Amino acid sequence: MSDGAATSTRANRTACRNFAYYEPLTVRDSSLSACVQAVLAARTGHLDLAHAYTAEAALMDLADLEHNTRDGLHIASLAGTWTALVAGFGGMRWDEGGLRFTPRLPAGLGRLAFTLRFLGRCLRVEVTPDRATYTLRSGPPLTLRHHGTELTVREGAPAGRPVPLPRQRRAPGQPPHRGPHTR
């Protein structure tokens, strides 16, 4: 295992331990909580919980979940919805090792697609439950990591890789009356 893969594996184990510990204690009394918890839930393999938190972030104002939409929109929660989708279900990370993706979709989503600009390149990412496809729309070749495996994408040559199933983990609980809002 490479140093980068070992570091990523250790970081994910730590994230799983932290999420298992803090999720039952977190009361989510901020409009920014659901989107952050969606990213962590997706990263740790709790895809249905991540889906519920993403919906909560997206519907914050439409469903008036905090009973205060009359005072204005929760714009940061709306931006957090993008983060929940791209960093959560798209699994996008950027660190000293470069651009990494660990995409996984919950049962309620059949497809996720997003486009981003990265270091002068335009990259399109499309994820289905069993496959991720990376399409470089413009720019020089881009090397990224897909579930720990290096992949170089070139303009005009989409590269697809399978999406592995997440490891099954026991679902964490939430404090009483603090579970995600139902849709």
C-alpha atoms as a PDB file:
ATOM      1  CA  MET A   1       0.000   0.000   0.000  1.00  0.00           C
ATOM      2  CA  SER A   2       1.381   3.435  -0.902  1.00  0.00           C
ATOM      3  CA  ASP A   3       1.951   6.080   1.758  1.00  0.00           C
ATOM      4  CA  GLY A   4      -0.942   8.114   0.338  1.00  0.00           C
ATOM      5  CA  ALA A   5      -3.328   5.131   0.397  1.00  0.00           C
ATOM      6  CA  ALA A   6      -2.255   4.217   3.937  1.00  0.00           C
ATOM      7  CA  THR A   7      -2.806   7.791   5.099  1.00  0.00           C
ATOM      8  CA  SER A   8      -6.229   7.848   3.425  1.00  0.00           C
ATOM      9  CA  THR A   9      -7.191   4.534   5.071  1.00  0.00           C
ATOM     10  CA  ARG A  10      -6.115   5.797   8.512  1.00  0.00           C
ATOM     11  CA  ALA A  11      -8.007   9.045   7.965  1.00  0.00           C
ATOM     12  CA  ASN A  12     -11.156   7.133   7.006  1.00  0.00           C
ATOM     13  CA  ARG A  13     -10.913   4.879  10.082  1.00  0.00           C
ATOM     14  CA  THR A  14     -10.537   7.976  12.231  1.00  0.00           C
ATOM     15  CA  ALA A  15     -13.534   9.604  10.510  1.00  0.00           C
ATOM     16  CA  CYS A  16     -15.621   6.468  11.162  1.00  0.00           C
ATOM     17  CA  ARG A  17     -14.682   6.418  14.854  1.00  0.00           C
ATOM     18  CA  ASN A  18     -15.340  10.137  15.234  1.00  0.00           C
ATOM     19  CA  PHE A  19     -18.691   9.956  13.443  1.00  0.00           C
ATOM     20  CA  ALA A  20     -19.799   6.954  15.542  1.00  0.00           C
ATOM     21  CA  TYR A  21     -18.896   8.861  18.709  1.00  0.00           C
ATOM     22  CA  TYR A  22     -20.230  12.331  17.878  1.00  0.00           C
ATOM     23  CA  GLU A  23     -23.359  11.559  15.848  1.00  0.00           C
ATOM     24  CA  PRO A  24     -25.362  10.414  18.906  1.00  0.00           C
ATOM     25  CA  LEU A  25     -24.315  13.611  20.732  1.00  0.00           C
ATOM     26  CA  THR A  26     -24.870  16.211  18.009  1.00  0.00           C
ATOM     27  CA  VAL A  27     -28.102  18.177  18.285  1.00  0.00           C
ATOM     28  CA  ARG A  28     -27.861  19.992  14.893  1.00  0.00           C
ATOM     29  CA  ASP A  29     -29.242  23.329  16.024  1.00  0.00           C
ATOM     30  CA  SER A  30     -27.589  25.191  13.158  1.00  0.00           C
ATOM     31  CA  SER A  31     -28.843  25.449   9.592  1.00  0.00           C
ATOM     32  CA  LEU A  32     -25.305  24.419   8.540  1.00  0.00           C
ATOM     33  CA  SER A  33     -25.272  21.181  10.507  1.00  0.00           C
ATOM     34  CA  ALA A  34     -27.190  18.933   8.100  1.00  0.00           C
ATOM     35  CA  CYS A  35     -24.913  19.522   5.107  1.00  0.00           C
ATOM     36  CA  VAL A  36     -21.742  18.863   7.118  1.00  0.00           C
ATOM     37  CA  GLN A  37     -23.207  15.760   8.683  1.00  0.00           C
ATOM     38  CA  ALA A  38     -24.280  14.581   5.216  1.00  0.00           C
ATOM     39  CA  VAL A  39     -20.669  14.714   4.022  1.00  0.00           C
ATOM     40  CA  LEU A  40     -19.431  12.794   7.063  1.00  0.00           C
ATOM     41  CA  ALA A  41     -22.232  10.241   6.872  1.00  0.00           C
ATOM     42  CA  ALA A  42     -21.470   9.579   3.193  1.00  0.00           C
ATOM     43  CA  ARG A  43     -17.728   9.391   3.832  1.00  0.00           C
ATOM     44  CA  THR A  44     -18.259   6.802   6.559  1.00  0.00           C
ATOM     45  CA  GLY A  45     -20.642   4.670   4.487  1.00  0.00           C
ATOM     46  CA  HIS A  46     -23.961   5.692   6.057  1.00  0.00           C
ATOM     47  CA  LEU A  47     -25.474   6.568   2.686  1.00  0.00           C
ATOM     48  CA  ASP A  48     -29.157   6.582   3.661  1.00  0.00           C
ATOM     49  CA  LEU A  49     -28.443   8.881   6.601  1.00  0.00           C
ATOM     50  CA  ALA A  50     -26.356  11.102   4.300  1.00  0.00           C
ATOM     51  CA  HIS A  51     -29.290  11.228   1.886  1.00  0.00           C
ATOM     52  CA  ALA A  52     -31.640  12.296   4.680  1.00  0.00           C
ATOM     53  CA  TYR A  53     -29.261  15.041   5.833  1.00  0.00           C
ATOM     54  CA  THR A  54     -28.731  16.259   2.259  1.00  0.00           C
ATOM     55  CA  ALA A  55     -32.494  16.530   1.781  1.00  0.00           C
ATOM     56  CA  GLU A  56     -32.766  18.419   5.065  1.00  0.00           C
ATOM     57  CA  ALA A  57     -30.148  20.945   3.900  1.00  0.00           C
ATOM     58  CA  ALA A  58     -31.810  21.311   0.493  1.00  0.00           C
ATOM     59  CA  LEU A  59     -35.296  21.726   1.935  1.00  0.00           C
ATOM     60  CA  MET A  60     -34.326  24.029   4.827  1.00  0.00           C
ATOM     61  CA  ASP A  61     -36.284  26.958   3.358  1.00  0.00           C
ATOM     62  CA  LEU A  62     -38.776  25.241   1.058  1.00  0.00           C
ATOM     63  CA  ALA A  63     -40.147  23.240   3.970  1.00  0.00           C
ATOM     64  CA  ASP A  64     -39.412  26.053   6.472  1.00  0.00           C
ATOM     65  CA  LEU A  65     -37.751  23.506   8.753  1.00  0.00           C
ATOM     66  CA  GLU A  66     -36.508  26.131  11.226  1.00  0.00           C
ATOM     67  CA  HIS A  67     -39.793  28.111  11.096  1.00  0.00           C
ATOM     68  CA  ASN A  68     -37.898  31.270  10.208  1.00  0.00           C
ATOM     69  CA  THR A  69     -37.835  31.491   6.414  1.00  0.00           C
ATOM     70  CA  ARG A  70     -39.889  34.680   6.685  1.00  0.00           C
ATOM     71  CA  ASP A  71     -36.661  36.276   8.003  1.00  0.00           C
ATOM     72  CA  GLY A  72     -34.665  35.321   4.900  1.00  0.00           C
ATOM     73  CA  LEU A  73     -33.106  32.381   3.115  1.00  0.00           C
ATOM     74  CA  HIS A  74     -30.406  30.129   4.519  1.00  0.00           C
ATOM     75  CA  ILE A  75     -28.028  30.657   1.590  1.00  0.00           C
ATOM     76  CA  ALA A  76     -25.149  28.830   3.301  1.00  0.00           C
ATOM     77  CA  SER A  77     -27.358  25.764   3.717  1.00  0.00           C
ATOM     78  CA  LEU A  78     -28.151  25.865   0.011  1.00  0.00           C
ATOM     79  CA  ALA A  79     -24.420  26.026  -0.780  1.00  0.00           C
ATOM     80  CA  GLY A  80     -23.927  23.247   1.752  1.00  0.00           C
ATOM     81  CA  THR A  81     -26.286  21.100  -0.303  1.00  0.00           C
ATOM     82  CA  TRP A  82     -23.818  21.323  -3.209  1.00  0.00           C
ATOM     83  CA  THR A  83     -21.040  20.354  -0.793  1.00  0.00           C
ATOM     84  CA  ALA A  84     -23.087  17.406   0.495  1.00  0.00           C
ATOM     85  CA  LEU A  85     -23.606  16.159  -3.054  1.00  0.00           C
ATOM     86  CA  VAL A  86     -20.078  16.720  -4.395  1.00  0.00           C
ATOM     87  CA  ALA A  87     -17.938  16.044  -1.304  1.00  0.00           C
ATOM     88  CA  GLY A  88     -20.417  13.561   0.181  1.00  0.00           C
ATOM     89  CA  PHE A  89     -21.816  11.362  -2.591  1.00  0.00           C
ATOM     90  CA  GLY A  90     -19.188  12.411  -5.150  1.00  0.00           C
ATOM     91  CA  GLY A  91     -16.499  11.782  -2.536  1.00  0.00           C
ATOM     92  CA  MET A  92     -14.362  14.673  -3.783  1.00  0.00           C
ATOM     93  CA  ARG A  93     -11.324  15.627  -1.709  1.00  0.00           C
ATOM     94  CA  TRP A  94      -8.281  17.712  -2.504  1.00  0.00           C
ATOM     95  CA  ASP A  95      -5.138  17.549  -0.421  1.00  0.00           C
ATOM     96  CA  GLU A  96      -1.375  17.298  -0.821  1.00  0.00           C
ATOM     97  CA  GLY A  97      -1.935  14.018  -2.677  1.00  0.00           C
ATOM     98  CA  GLY A  98      -4.045  15.763  -5.319  1.00  0.00           C
ATOM     99  CA  LEU A  99      -7.657  15.401  -6.376  1.00  0.00           C
ATOM    100  CA  ARG A 100      -9.408  12.280  -5.052  1.00  0.00           C
ATOM    101  CA  PHE A 101     -12.880  10.809  -5.493  1.00  0.00           C
ATOM    102  CA  THR A 102     -14.636   8.061  -3.522  1.00  0.00           C
ATOM    103  CA  PRO A 103     -18.129   8.268  -5.015  1.00  0.00           C
ATOM    104  CA  ARG A 104     -21.056   6.253  -3.685  1.00  0.00           C
ATOM    105  CA  LEU A 105     -24.770   6.824  -4.072  1.00  0.00           C
ATOM    106  CA  PRO A 106     -27.566   5.969  -1.653  1.00  0.00           C
ATOM    107  CA  ALA A 107     -30.441   3.796  -2.829  1.00  0.00           C
ATOM    108  CA  GLY A 108     -32.607   6.909  -3.392  1.00  0.00           C
ATOM    109  CA  LEU A 109     -30.293   8.430  -6.028  1.00  0.00           C
ATOM    110  CA  GLY A 110     -29.858   6.856  -9.455  1.00  0.00           C
ATOM    111  CA  ARG A 111     -27.326   9.359 -10.796  1.00  0.00           C
ATOM    112  CA  LEU A 112     -25.219  12.310  -9.739  1.00  0.00           C
ATOM    113  CA  ALA A 113     -23.372  14.552 -12.198  1.00  0.00           C
ATOM    114  CA  PHE A 114     -21.355  17.694 -11.630  1.00  0.00           C
ATOM    115  CA  THR A 115     -18.758  19.768 -13.419  1.00  0.00           C
ATOM    116  CA  LEU A 116     -15.893  21.574 -11.770  1.00  0.00           C
ATOM    117  CA  ARG A 117     -12.914  23.705 -12.688  1.00  0.00           C
ATOM    118  CA  PHE A 118      -9.607  22.526 -11.271  1.00  0.00           C
ATOM    119  CA  LEU A 119      -6.190  24.024 -12.049  1.00  0.00           C
ATOM    120  CA  GLY A 120      -7.246  25.328 -15.458  1.00  0.00           C
ATOM    121  CA  ARG A 121      -9.169  22.198 -16.409  1.00  0.00           C
ATOM    122  CA  CYS A 122     -12.861  21.487 -16.771  1.00  0.00           C
ATOM    123  CA  LEU A 123     -13.792  18.070 -15.360  1.00  0.00           C
ATOM    124  CA  ARG A 124     -17.211  16.412 -15.580  1.00  0.00           C
ATOM    125  CA  VAL A 125     -17.965  13.656 -13.058  1.00  0.00           C
ATOM    126  CA  GLU A 126     -20.931  11.324 -13.498  1.00  0.00           C
ATOM    127  CA  VAL A 127     -21.775   8.711 -10.892  1.00  0.00           C
ATOM    128  CA  THR A 128     -24.305   5.881 -11.013  1.00  0.00           C
ATOM    129  CA  PRO A 129     -24.707   3.254  -8.316  1.00  0.00           C
ATOM    130  CA  ASP A 130     -22.116   0.993  -9.951  1.00  0.00           C
ATOM    131  CA  ARG A 131     -19.869   3.267 -12.052  1.00  0.00           C
ATOM    132  CA  ALA A 132     -18.120   6.656 -12.058  1.00  0.00           C
ATOM    133  CA  THR A 133     -17.088   8.328 -15.315  1.00  0.00           C
ATOM    134  CA  TYR A 134     -14.582  11.188 -15.474  1.00  0.00           C
ATOM    135  CA  THR A 135     -14.596  13.356 -18.597  1.00  0.00           C
ATOM    136  CA  LEU A 136     -11.983  16.044 -19.115  1.00  0.00           C
ATOM    137  CA  ARG A 137     -13.782  18.674 -21.185  1.00  0.00           C
ATOM    138  CA  SER A 138     -10.799  20.995 -21.500  1.00  0.00           C
ATOM    139  CA  GLY A 139      -7.238  21.335 -20.323  1.00  0.00           C
ATOM    140  CA  PRO A 140      -4.127  19.214 -20.077  1.00  0.00           C
ATOM    141  CA  PRO A 141      -4.347  15.599 -18.828  1.00  0.00           C
ATOM    142  CA  LEU A 142      -5.378  15.287 -15.201  1.00  0.00           C
ATOM    143  CA  THR A 143      -4.236  12.584 -12.809  1.00  0.00           C
ATOM    144  CA  LEU A 144      -6.663  11.891  -9.982  1.00  0.00           C
ATOM    145  CA  ARG A 145      -7.436   9.035  -7.639  1.00  0.00           C
ATOM    146  CA  HIS A 146     -10.630   6.980  -7.768  1.00  0.00           C
ATOM    147  CA  HIS A 147     -11.143   4.939  -4.575  1.00  0.00           C
ATOM    148  CA  GLY A 148      -7.369   4.996  -4.070  1.00  0.00           C
ATOM    149  CA  THR A 149      -6.409   3.977  -7.623  1.00  0.00           C
ATOM    150  CA  GLU A 150      -4.574   6.471  -9.808  1.00  0.00           C
ATOM    151  CA  LEU A 151      -6.343   7.453 -13.006  1.00  0.00           C
ATOM    152  CA  THR A 152      -5.234   9.863 -15.727  1.00  0.00           C
ATOM    153  CA  VAL A 153      -8.019  11.521 -17.702  1.00  0.00           C
ATOM    154  CA  ARG A 154      -7.401  13.079 -21.110  1.00  0.00           C
ATOM    155  CA  GLU A 155      -9.582  15.436 -23.108  1.00  0.00           C
ATOM    156  CA  GLY A 156     -11.904  13.513 -25.432  1.00  0.00           C
ATOM    157  CA  ALA A 157     -11.308  10.169 -23.669  1.00  0.00           C
ATOM    158  CA  PRO A 158     -13.731   9.607 -20.763  1.00  0.00           C
ATOM    159  CA  ALA A 159     -12.477   7.175 -18.147  1.00  0.00           C
ATOM    160  CA  GLY A 160     -14.885   5.023 -16.166  1.00  0.00           C
ATOM    161  CA  ARG A 161     -14.292   2.937 -13.083  1.00  0.00           C
ATOM    162  CA  PRO A 162     -16.539   0.724 -10.954  1.00  0.00           C
ATOM    163  CA  VAL A 163     -17.921   2.065  -7.684  1.00  0.00           C
ATOM    164  CA  PRO A 164     -17.361  -0.437  -4.874  1.00  0.00           C
ATOM    165  CA  LEU A 165     -20.062  -1.137  -2.341  1.00  0.00           C
ATOM    166  CA  PRO A 166     -19.544   0.574   1.004  1.00  0.00           C
ATOM    167  CA  ARG A 167     -18.578  -1.459   4.034  1.00  0.00           C
ATOM    168  CA  GLN A 168     -21.692  -2.155   6.099  1.00  0.00           C
ATOM    169  CA  ARG A 169     -21.642  -0.389   9.446  1.00  0.00           C
ATOM    170  CA  ARG A 170     -24.133  -0.212  12.253  1.00  0.00           C
ATOM    171  CA  ALA A 171     -26.156   2.988  11.878  1.00  0.00           C
ATOM    172  CA  PRO A 172     -25.414   5.561  14.564  1.00  0.00           C
ATOM    173  CA  GLY A 173     -28.237   6.997  16.622  1.00  0.00           C
ATOM    174  CA  GLN A 174     -29.098  10.632  17.127  1.00  0.00           C
ATOM    175  CA  PRO A 175     -30.067  12.424  20.320  1.00  0.00           C
ATOM    176  CA  PRO A 176     -33.797  12.160  21.157  1.00  0.00           C
ATOM    177  CA  HIS A 177     -35.939  14.145  18.717  1.00  0.00           C
ATOM    178  CA  ARG A 178     -32.848  15.211  16.722  1.00  0.00           C
ATOM    179  CA  GLY A 179     -32.905  12.750  13.834  1.00  0.00           C
ATOM    180  CA  PRO A 180     -32.992  14.143  10.303  1.00  0.00           C
ATOM    181  CA  HIS A 181     -36.250  15.795   9.254  1.00  0.00           C
ATOM    182  CA  THR A 182     -38.377  13.415   7.217  1.00  0.00           C
ATOM    183  CA  ARG A 183     -39.272  14.291   3.641  1.00  0.00           C
END
